[in-house]
PDB file of all heavy atoms in Angstrom:
ATOM      1  N   LEU A   1       1.749 -12.291  -7.879  1.00  0.00           N
ATOM      2  CA  LEU A   1       2.226 -11.873  -6.557  1.00  0.00           C
ATOM      3  C   LEU A   1       3.482 -11.005  -6.679  1.00  0.00           C
ATOM      4  O   LEU A   1       4.583 -11.389  -6.289  1.00  0.00           O
ATOM      5  CB  LEU A   1       2.507 -13.096  -5.684  1.00  0.00           C
ATOM      6  CG  LEU A   1       1.281 -13.910  -5.291  1.00  0.00           C
ATOM      7  CD1 LEU A   1       1.688 -15.170  -4.542  1.00  0.00           C
ATOM      8  CD2 LEU A   1       0.336 -13.079  -4.445  1.00  0.00           C
ATOM      9  N   ILE A   2       3.283  -9.805  -7.224  1.00  0.00           N
ATOM     10  CA  ILE A   2       4.388  -8.873  -7.432  1.00  0.00           C
ATOM     11  C   ILE A   2       3.966  -7.492  -6.943  1.00  0.00           C
ATOM     12  O   ILE A   2       2.881  -7.020  -7.262  1.00  0.00           O
ATOM     13  CB  ILE A   2       4.778  -8.796  -8.921  1.00  0.00           C
ATOM     14  CG1 ILE A   2       5.192 -10.173  -9.437  1.00  0.00           C
ATOM     15  CG2 ILE A   2       5.897  -7.782  -9.131  1.00  0.00           C
ATOM     16  CD1 ILE A   2       5.370 -10.235 -10.928  1.00  0.00           C
ATOM     17  N   LEU A   3       4.850  -6.883  -6.151  1.00  0.00           N
ATOM     18  CA  LEU A   3       4.641  -5.517  -5.673  1.00  0.00           C
ATOM     19  C   LEU A   3       5.947  -4.742  -5.819  1.00  0.00           C
ATOM     20  O   LEU A   3       7.025  -5.337  -5.725  1.00  0.00           O
ATOM     21  CB  LEU A   3       4.277  -5.507  -4.182  1.00  0.00           C
ATOM     22  CG  LEU A   3       2.864  -5.835  -3.796  1.00  0.00           C
ATOM     23  CD1 LEU A   3       2.742  -5.895  -2.270  1.00  0.00           C
ATOM     24  CD2 LEU A   3       1.906  -4.796  -4.348  1.00  0.00           C
ATOM     25  N   PRO A   4       5.855  -3.432  -5.991  1.00  0.00           N
ATOM     26  CA  PRO A   4       7.092  -2.652  -5.958  1.00  0.00           C
ATOM     27  C   PRO A   4       7.596  -2.544  -4.520  1.00  0.00           C
ATOM     28  O   PRO A   4       6.808  -2.460  -3.580  1.00  0.00           O
ATOM     29  CB  PRO A   4       6.669  -1.284  -6.496  1.00  0.00           C
ATOM     30  CG  PRO A   4       5.205  -1.198  -6.229  1.00  0.00           C
ATOM     31  CD  PRO A   4       4.688  -2.607  -6.284  1.00  0.00           C
ATOM     32  N   THR A   5       8.904  -2.564  -4.353  1.00  0.00           N
ATOM     33  CA  THR A   5       9.477  -2.380  -3.027  1.00  0.00           C
ATOM     34  C   THR A   5       9.252  -0.938  -2.570  1.00  0.00           C
ATOM     35  O   THR A   5       9.094  -0.040  -3.408  1.00  0.00           O
ATOM     36  CB  THR A   5      10.989  -2.696  -3.025  1.00  0.00           C
ATOM     37  OG1 THR A   5      11.473  -2.597  -1.694  1.00  0.00           O
ATOM     38  CG2 THR A   5      11.766  -1.762  -3.926  1.00  0.00           C
ATOM     39  N   ILE A   6       9.226  -0.737  -1.269  1.00  0.00           N
ATOM     40  CA  ILE A   6       9.208   0.636  -0.761  1.00  0.00           C
ATOM     41  C   ILE A   6      10.534   0.959  -0.059  1.00  0.00           C
ATOM     42  O   ILE A   6      10.659   1.979   0.598  1.00  0.00           O
ATOM     43  CB  ILE A   6       8.005   0.907   0.177  1.00  0.00           C
ATOM     44  CG1 ILE A   6       8.052   0.044   1.432  1.00  0.00           C
ATOM     45  CG2 ILE A   6       6.692   0.745  -0.578  1.00  0.00           C
ATOM     46  CD1 ILE A   6       7.060   0.464   2.511  1.00  0.00           C
ATOM     47  N   THR A   7      11.536   0.080  -0.245  1.00  0.00           N
ATOM     48  CA  THR A   7      12.823   0.310   0.412  1.00  0.00           C
ATOM     49  C   THR A   7      13.549   1.533  -0.138  1.00  0.00           C
ATOM     50  O   THR A   7      14.425   2.073   0.533  1.00  0.00           O
ATOM     51  CB  THR A   7      13.741  -0.922   0.316  1.00  0.00           C
ATOM     52  OG1 THR A   7      13.906  -1.273  -1.066  1.00  0.00           O
ATOM     53  CG2 THR A   7      13.158  -2.094   1.076  1.00  0.00           C
ATOM     54  N   ASP A   8      13.197   1.983  -1.337  1.00  0.00           N
ATOM     55  CA  ASP A   8      13.800   3.204  -1.853  1.00  0.00           C
ATOM     56  C   ASP A   8      13.281   4.431  -1.097  1.00  0.00           C
ATOM     57  O   ASP A   8      13.968   5.436  -0.993  1.00  0.00           O
ATOM     58  CB  ASP A   8      13.553   3.353  -3.353  1.00  0.00           C
ATOM     59  CG  ASP A   8      12.080   3.353  -3.714  1.00  0.00           C
ATOM     60  OD1 ASP A   8      11.315   2.539  -3.140  1.00  0.00           O
ATOM     61  OD2 ASP A   8      11.680   4.158  -4.571  1.00  0.00           O
ATOM     62  N   LEU A   9      12.077   4.327  -0.549  1.00  0.00           N
ATOM     63  CA  LEU A   9      11.510   5.398   0.269  1.00  0.00           C
ATOM     64  C   LEU A   9      11.860   5.226   1.743  1.00  0.00           C
ATOM     65  O   LEU A   9      12.055   6.192   2.466  1.00  0.00           O
ATOM     66  CB  LEU A   9       9.978   5.419   0.134  1.00  0.00           C
ATOM     67  CG  LEU A   9       9.419   5.682  -1.256  1.00  0.00           C
ATOM     68  CD1 LEU A   9       7.921   5.433  -1.276  1.00  0.00           C
ATOM     69  CD2 LEU A   9       9.742   7.097  -1.688  1.00  0.00           C
ATOM     70  N   MET A  10      11.896   3.971   2.168  1.00  0.00           N
ATOM     71  CA  MET A  10      12.103   3.641   3.576  1.00  0.00           C
ATOM     72  C   MET A  10      12.966   2.385   3.666  1.00  0.00           C
ATOM     73  O   MET A  10      12.447   1.270   3.595  1.00  0.00           O
ATOM     74  CB  MET A  10      10.729   3.410   4.226  1.00  0.00           C
ATOM     75  CG  MET A  10      10.771   3.021   5.670  1.00  0.00           C
ATOM     76  SD  MET A  10       9.104   2.872   6.333  1.00  0.00           S
ATOM     77  CE  MET A  10       8.765   4.573   6.743  1.00  0.00           C
ATOM     78  N   PRO A  11      14.277   2.558   3.808  1.00  0.00           N
ATOM     79  CA  PRO A  11      15.166   1.391   3.839  1.00  0.00           C
ATOM     80  C   PRO A  11      14.794   0.368   4.916  1.00  0.00           C
ATOM     81  O   PRO A  11      15.012  -0.828   4.730  1.00  0.00           O
ATOM     82  CB  PRO A  11      16.543   2.008   4.128  1.00  0.00           C
ATOM     83  CG  PRO A  11      16.449   3.402   3.609  1.00  0.00           C
ATOM     84  CD  PRO A  11      15.028   3.819   3.864  1.00  0.00           C
ATOM     85  N   GLY A  12      14.209   0.801   6.008  1.00  0.00           N
ATOM     86  CA  GLY A  12      13.839  -0.106   7.088  1.00  0.00           C
ATOM     87  C   GLY A  12      12.757  -1.107   6.727  1.00  0.00           C
ATOM     88  O   GLY A  12      12.512  -2.054   7.465  1.00  0.00           O
ATOM     89  N   ALA A  13      12.103  -0.933   5.578  1.00  0.00           N
ATOM     90  CA  ALA A  13      11.063  -1.873   5.147  1.00  0.00           C
ATOM     91  C   ALA A  13      11.650  -3.178   4.621  1.00  0.00           C
ATOM     92  O   ALA A  13      10.924  -4.151   4.424  1.00  0.00           O
ATOM     93  CB  ALA A  13      10.183  -1.228   4.079  1.00  0.00           C
ATOM     94  N   GLU A  14      12.969  -3.219   4.442  1.00  0.00           N
ATOM     95  CA  GLU A  14      13.603  -4.410   3.869  1.00  0.00           C
ATOM     96  C   GLU A  14      13.303  -5.668   4.666  1.00  0.00           C
ATOM     97  O   GLU A  14      12.962  -6.719   4.111  1.00  0.00           O
ATOM     98  CB  GLU A  14      15.115  -4.221   3.772  1.00  0.00           C
ATOM     99  CG  GLU A  14      15.808  -5.451   3.217  1.00  0.00           C
ATOM    100  CD  GLU A  14      17.320  -5.335   3.206  1.00  0.00           C
ATOM    101  OE1 GLU A  14      17.834  -4.283   2.804  1.00  0.00           O
ATOM    102  OE2 GLU A  14      17.968  -6.320   3.598  1.00  0.00           O
ATOM    103  N   THR A  15      13.406  -5.596   5.979  1.00  0.00           N
ATOM    104  CA  THR A  15      13.175  -6.778   6.817  1.00  0.00           C
ATOM    105  C   THR A  15      11.761  -7.310   6.626  1.00  0.00           C
ATOM    106  O   THR A  15      11.559  -8.516   6.456  1.00  0.00           O
ATOM    107  CB  THR A  15      13.423  -6.431   8.299  1.00  0.00           C
ATOM    108  OG1 THR A  15      14.759  -5.945   8.431  1.00  0.00           O
ATOM    109  CG2 THR A  15      13.230  -7.640   9.186  1.00  0.00           C
ATOM    110  N   ASN A  16      10.778  -6.415   6.634  1.00  0.00           N
ATOM    111  CA  ASN A  16       9.387  -6.840   6.446  1.00  0.00           C
ATOM    112  C   ASN A  16       9.173  -7.455   5.068  1.00  0.00           C
ATOM    113  O   ASN A  16       8.504  -8.485   4.935  1.00  0.00           O
ATOM    114  CB  ASN A  16       8.432  -5.661   6.622  1.00  0.00           C
ATOM    115  CG  ASN A  16       8.435  -5.127   8.025  1.00  0.00           C
ATOM    116  OD1 ASN A  16       9.139  -4.163   8.320  1.00  0.00           O
ATOM    117  ND2 ASN A  16       7.665  -5.728   8.904  1.00  0.00           N
ATOM    118  N   GLU A  17       9.724  -6.829   4.041  1.00  0.00           N
ATOM    119  CA  GLU A  17       9.542  -7.350   2.685  1.00  0.00           C
ATOM    120  C   GLU A  17      10.213  -8.711   2.511  1.00  0.00           C
ATOM    121  O   GLU A  17       9.648  -9.599   1.866  1.00  0.00           O
ATOM    122  CB  GLU A  17      10.074  -6.343   1.657  1.00  0.00           C
ATOM    123  CG  GLU A  17       9.208  -5.117   1.552  1.00  0.00           C
ATOM    124  CD  GLU A  17       9.644  -4.110   0.511  1.00  0.00           C
ATOM    125  OE1 GLU A  17      10.702  -4.313  -0.132  1.00  0.00           O
ATOM    126  OE2 GLU A  17       8.935  -3.117   0.330  1.00  0.00           O
ATOM    127  N   ARG A  18      11.378  -8.878   3.089  1.00  0.00           N
ATOM    128  CA  ARG A  18      12.048 -10.177   3.000  1.00  0.00           C
ATOM    129  C   ARG A  18      11.233 -11.260   3.709  1.00  0.00           C
ATOM    130  O   ARG A  18      11.131 -12.396   3.230  1.00  0.00           O
ATOM    131  CB  ARG A  18      13.457 -10.090   3.592  1.00  0.00           C
ATOM    132  CG  ARG A  18      14.426  -9.346   2.689  1.00  0.00           C
ATOM    133  CD  ARG A  18      15.771  -9.130   3.317  1.00  0.00           C
ATOM    134  NE  ARG A  18      16.420 -10.378   3.687  1.00  0.00           N
ATOM    135  CZ  ARG A  18      17.451 -10.436   4.524  1.00  0.00           C
ATOM    136  NH1 ARG A  18      17.955  -9.332   5.065  1.00  0.00           N
ATOM    137  NH2 ARG A  18      17.991 -11.596   4.816  1.00  0.00           N
ATOM    138  N   GLU A  19      10.660 -10.932   4.857  1.00  0.00           N
ATOM    139  CA  GLU A  19       9.833 -11.898   5.579  1.00  0.00           C
ATOM    140  C   GLU A  19       8.614 -12.296   4.744  1.00  0.00           C
ATOM    141  O   GLU A  19       8.314 -13.486   4.592  1.00  0.00           O
ATOM    142  CB  GLU A  19       9.383 -11.315   6.916  1.00  0.00           C
ATOM    143  CG  GLU A  19       8.461 -12.240   7.686  1.00  0.00           C
ATOM    144  CD  GLU A  19       7.942 -11.625   8.973  1.00  0.00           C
ATOM    145  OE1 GLU A  19       7.802 -10.391   9.052  1.00  0.00           O
ATOM    146  OE2 GLU A  19       7.664 -12.402   9.897  1.00  0.00           O
ATOM    147  N   ILE A  20       7.916 -11.315   4.193  1.00  0.00           N
ATOM    148  CA  ILE A  20       6.727 -11.592   3.378  1.00  0.00           C
ATOM    149  C   ILE A  20       7.109 -12.391   2.135  1.00  0.00           C
ATOM    150  O   ILE A  20       6.392 -13.307   1.720  1.00  0.00           O
ATOM    151  CB  ILE A  20       6.026 -10.265   2.978  1.00  0.00           C
ATOM    152  CG1 ILE A  20       5.510  -9.529   4.225  1.00  0.00           C
ATOM    153  CG2 ILE A  20       4.918 -10.498   1.974  1.00  0.00           C
ATOM    154  CD1 ILE A  20       4.488 -10.293   5.025  1.00  0.00           C
ATOM    155  N   ARG A  21       8.237 -12.079   1.544  1.00  0.00           N
ATOM    156  CA  ARG A  21       8.708 -12.786   0.353  1.00  0.00           C
ATOM    157  C   ARG A  21       8.908 -14.275   0.645  1.00  0.00           C
ATOM    158  O   ARG A  21       8.450 -15.137  -0.099  1.00  0.00           O
ATOM    159  CB  ARG A  21      10.020 -12.167  -0.130  1.00  0.00           C
ATOM    160  CG  ARG A  21      10.574 -12.805  -1.369  1.00  0.00           C
ATOM    161  CD  ARG A  21      11.876 -12.097  -1.792  1.00  0.00           C
ATOM    162  NE  ARG A  21      12.376 -12.695  -2.996  1.00  0.00           N
ATOM    163  CZ  ARG A  21      13.134 -13.790  -3.032  1.00  0.00           C
ATOM    164  NH1 ARG A  21      13.499 -14.373  -1.905  1.00  0.00           N
ATOM    165  NH2 ARG A  21      13.542 -14.286  -4.177  1.00  0.00           N
ATOM    166  N   GLU A  22       9.579 -14.597   1.751  1.00  0.00           N
ATOM    167  CA  GLU A  22       9.868 -16.007   2.016  1.00  0.00           C
ATOM    168  C   GLU A  22       8.684 -16.752   2.613  1.00  0.00           C
ATOM    169  O   GLU A  22       8.563 -17.950   2.425  1.00  0.00           O
ATOM    170  CB  GLU A  22      11.115 -16.167   2.875  1.00  0.00           C
ATOM    171  CG  GLU A  22      11.001 -15.735   4.298  1.00  0.00           C
ATOM    172  CD  GLU A  22      12.323 -15.888   5.046  1.00  0.00           C
ATOM    173  OE1 GLU A  22      12.721 -17.028   5.334  1.00  0.00           O
ATOM    174  OE2 GLU A  22      12.940 -14.858   5.343  1.00  0.00           O
ATOM    175  N   MET A  23       7.793 -16.078   3.305  1.00  0.00           N
ATOM    176  CA  MET A  23       6.670 -16.768   3.953  1.00  0.00           C
ATOM    177  C   MET A  23       5.422 -16.866   3.074  1.00  0.00           C
ATOM    178  O   MET A  23       4.640 -17.800   3.212  1.00  0.00           O
ATOM    179  CB  MET A  23       6.299 -16.064   5.262  1.00  0.00           C
ATOM    180  CG  MET A  23       7.408 -16.059   6.291  1.00  0.00           C
ATOM    181  SD  MET A  23       7.856 -17.731   6.797  1.00  0.00           S
ATOM    182  CE  MET A  23       9.074 -17.391   8.039  1.00  0.00           C
ATOM    183  N   LEU A  24       5.223 -15.880   2.160  1.00  0.00           N
ATOM    184  CA  LEU A  24       4.028 -15.881   1.317  1.00  0.00           C
ATOM    185  C   LEU A  24       4.324 -15.969  -0.182  1.00  0.00           C
ATOM    186  O   LEU A  24       3.411 -16.139  -0.974  1.00  0.00           O
ATOM    187  CB  LEU A  24       3.189 -14.622   1.581  1.00  0.00           C
ATOM    188  CG  LEU A  24       2.438 -14.610   2.910  1.00  0.00           C
ATOM    189  CD1 LEU A  24       1.863 -13.222   3.186  1.00  0.00           C
ATOM    190  CD2 LEU A  24       1.334 -15.652   2.919  1.00  0.00           C
ATOM    191  N   GLY A  25       5.580 -15.779  -0.579  1.00  0.00           N
ATOM    192  CA  GLY A  25       5.930 -15.892  -1.988  1.00  0.00           C
ATOM    193  C   GLY A  25       5.689 -14.641  -2.802  1.00  0.00           C
ATOM    194  O   GLY A  25       5.595 -14.715  -4.034  1.00  0.00           O
ATOM    195  N   ILE A  26       5.619 -13.501  -2.166  1.00  0.00           N
ATOM    196  CA  ILE A  26       5.397 -12.243  -2.888  1.00  0.00           C
ATOM    197  C   ILE A  26       6.755 -11.674  -3.292  1.00  0.00           C
ATOM    198  O   ILE A  26       7.655 -11.549  -2.465  1.00  0.00           O
ATOM    199  CB  ILE A  26       4.601 -11.251  -2.020  1.00  0.00           C
ATOM    200  CG1 ILE A  26       3.217 -11.828  -1.788  1.00  0.00           C
ATOM    201  CG2 ILE A  26       4.538  -9.872  -2.679  1.00  0.00           C
ATOM    202  CD1 ILE A  26       2.403 -11.132  -0.758  1.00  0.00           C
ATOM    203  N   GLU A  27       6.891 -11.360  -4.565  1.00  0.00           N
ATOM    204  CA  GLU A  27       8.131 -10.763  -5.074  1.00  0.00           C
ATOM    205  C   GLU A  27       8.015  -9.247  -4.986  1.00  0.00           C
ATOM    206  O   GLU A  27       6.999  -8.675  -5.363  1.00  0.00           O
ATOM    207  CB  GLU A  27       8.385 -11.172  -6.522  1.00  0.00           C
ATOM    208  CG  GLU A  27       8.875 -12.586  -6.669  1.00  0.00           C
ATOM    209  CD  GLU A  27      10.210 -12.839  -5.980  1.00  0.00           C
ATOM    210  OE1 GLU A  27      11.079 -11.942  -5.959  1.00  0.00           O
ATOM    211  OE2 GLU A  27      10.382 -13.952  -5.447  1.00  0.00           O
ATOM    212  N   PHE A  28       9.073  -8.618  -4.508  1.00  0.00           N
ATOM    213  CA  PHE A  28       9.122  -7.164  -4.410  1.00  0.00           C
ATOM    214  C   PHE A  28      10.115  -6.662  -5.450  1.00  0.00           C
ATOM    215  O   PHE A  28      11.330  -6.853  -5.308  1.00  0.00           O
ATOM    216  CB  PHE A  28       9.529  -6.729  -2.999  1.00  0.00           C
ATOM    217  CG  PHE A  28       8.485  -7.024  -1.971  1.00  0.00           C
ATOM    218  CD1 PHE A  28       8.484  -8.233  -1.289  1.00  0.00           C
ATOM    219  CD2 PHE A  28       7.468  -6.112  -1.713  1.00  0.00           C
ATOM    220  CE1 PHE A  28       7.504  -8.520  -0.356  1.00  0.00           C
ATOM    221  CE2 PHE A  28       6.481  -6.399  -0.777  1.00  0.00           C
ATOM    222  CZ  PHE A  28       6.506  -7.605  -0.099  1.00  0.00           C
ATOM    223  N   GLU A  29       9.575  -6.037  -6.500  1.00  0.00           N
ATOM    224  CA  GLU A  29      10.430  -5.505  -7.561  1.00  0.00           C
ATOM    225  C   GLU A  29      11.318  -4.409  -6.988  1.00  0.00           C
ATOM    226  O   GLU A  29      10.833  -3.482  -6.350  1.00  0.00           O
ATOM    227  CB  GLU A  29       9.581  -4.933  -8.693  1.00  0.00           C
ATOM    228  CG  GLU A  29       8.869  -5.982  -9.489  1.00  0.00           C
ATOM    229  CD  GLU A  29       8.028  -5.388 -10.607  1.00  0.00           C
ATOM    230  OE1 GLU A  29       7.555  -4.240 -10.473  1.00  0.00           O
ATOM    231  OE2 GLU A  29       7.840  -6.093 -11.611  1.00  0.00           O
ATOM    232  N   GLY A  30      12.617  -4.548  -7.203  1.00  0.00           N
ATOM    233  CA  GLY A  30      13.562  -3.556  -6.717  1.00  0.00           C
ATOM    234  C   GLY A  30      14.199  -3.908  -5.384  1.00  0.00           C
ATOM    235  O   GLY A  30      15.124  -3.228  -4.942  1.00  0.00           O
ATOM    236  N   LEU A  31      13.716  -4.961  -4.729  1.00  0.00           N
ATOM    237  CA  LEU A  31      14.315  -5.392  -3.462  1.00  0.00           C
ATOM    238  C   LEU A  31      15.678  -6.006  -3.770  1.00  0.00           C
ATOM    239  O   LEU A  31      15.775  -6.970  -4.521  1.00  0.00           O
ATOM    240  CB  LEU A  31      13.413  -6.407  -2.756  1.00  0.00           C
ATOM    241  CG  LEU A  31      13.918  -6.963  -1.417  1.00  0.00           C
ATOM    242  CD1 LEU A  31      14.030  -5.845  -0.387  1.00  0.00           C
ATOM    243  CD2 LEU A  31      12.984  -8.058  -0.924  1.00  0.00           C
TER     244      LEU A  31
END
């Protein structure tokens, strides 16, 4: 359960990635 973050392209994706990380356990490399 690892994906690259897209916050380097779109900083606003941080909130969504943090939610998915804590609710589903997916790690975002670079977050």
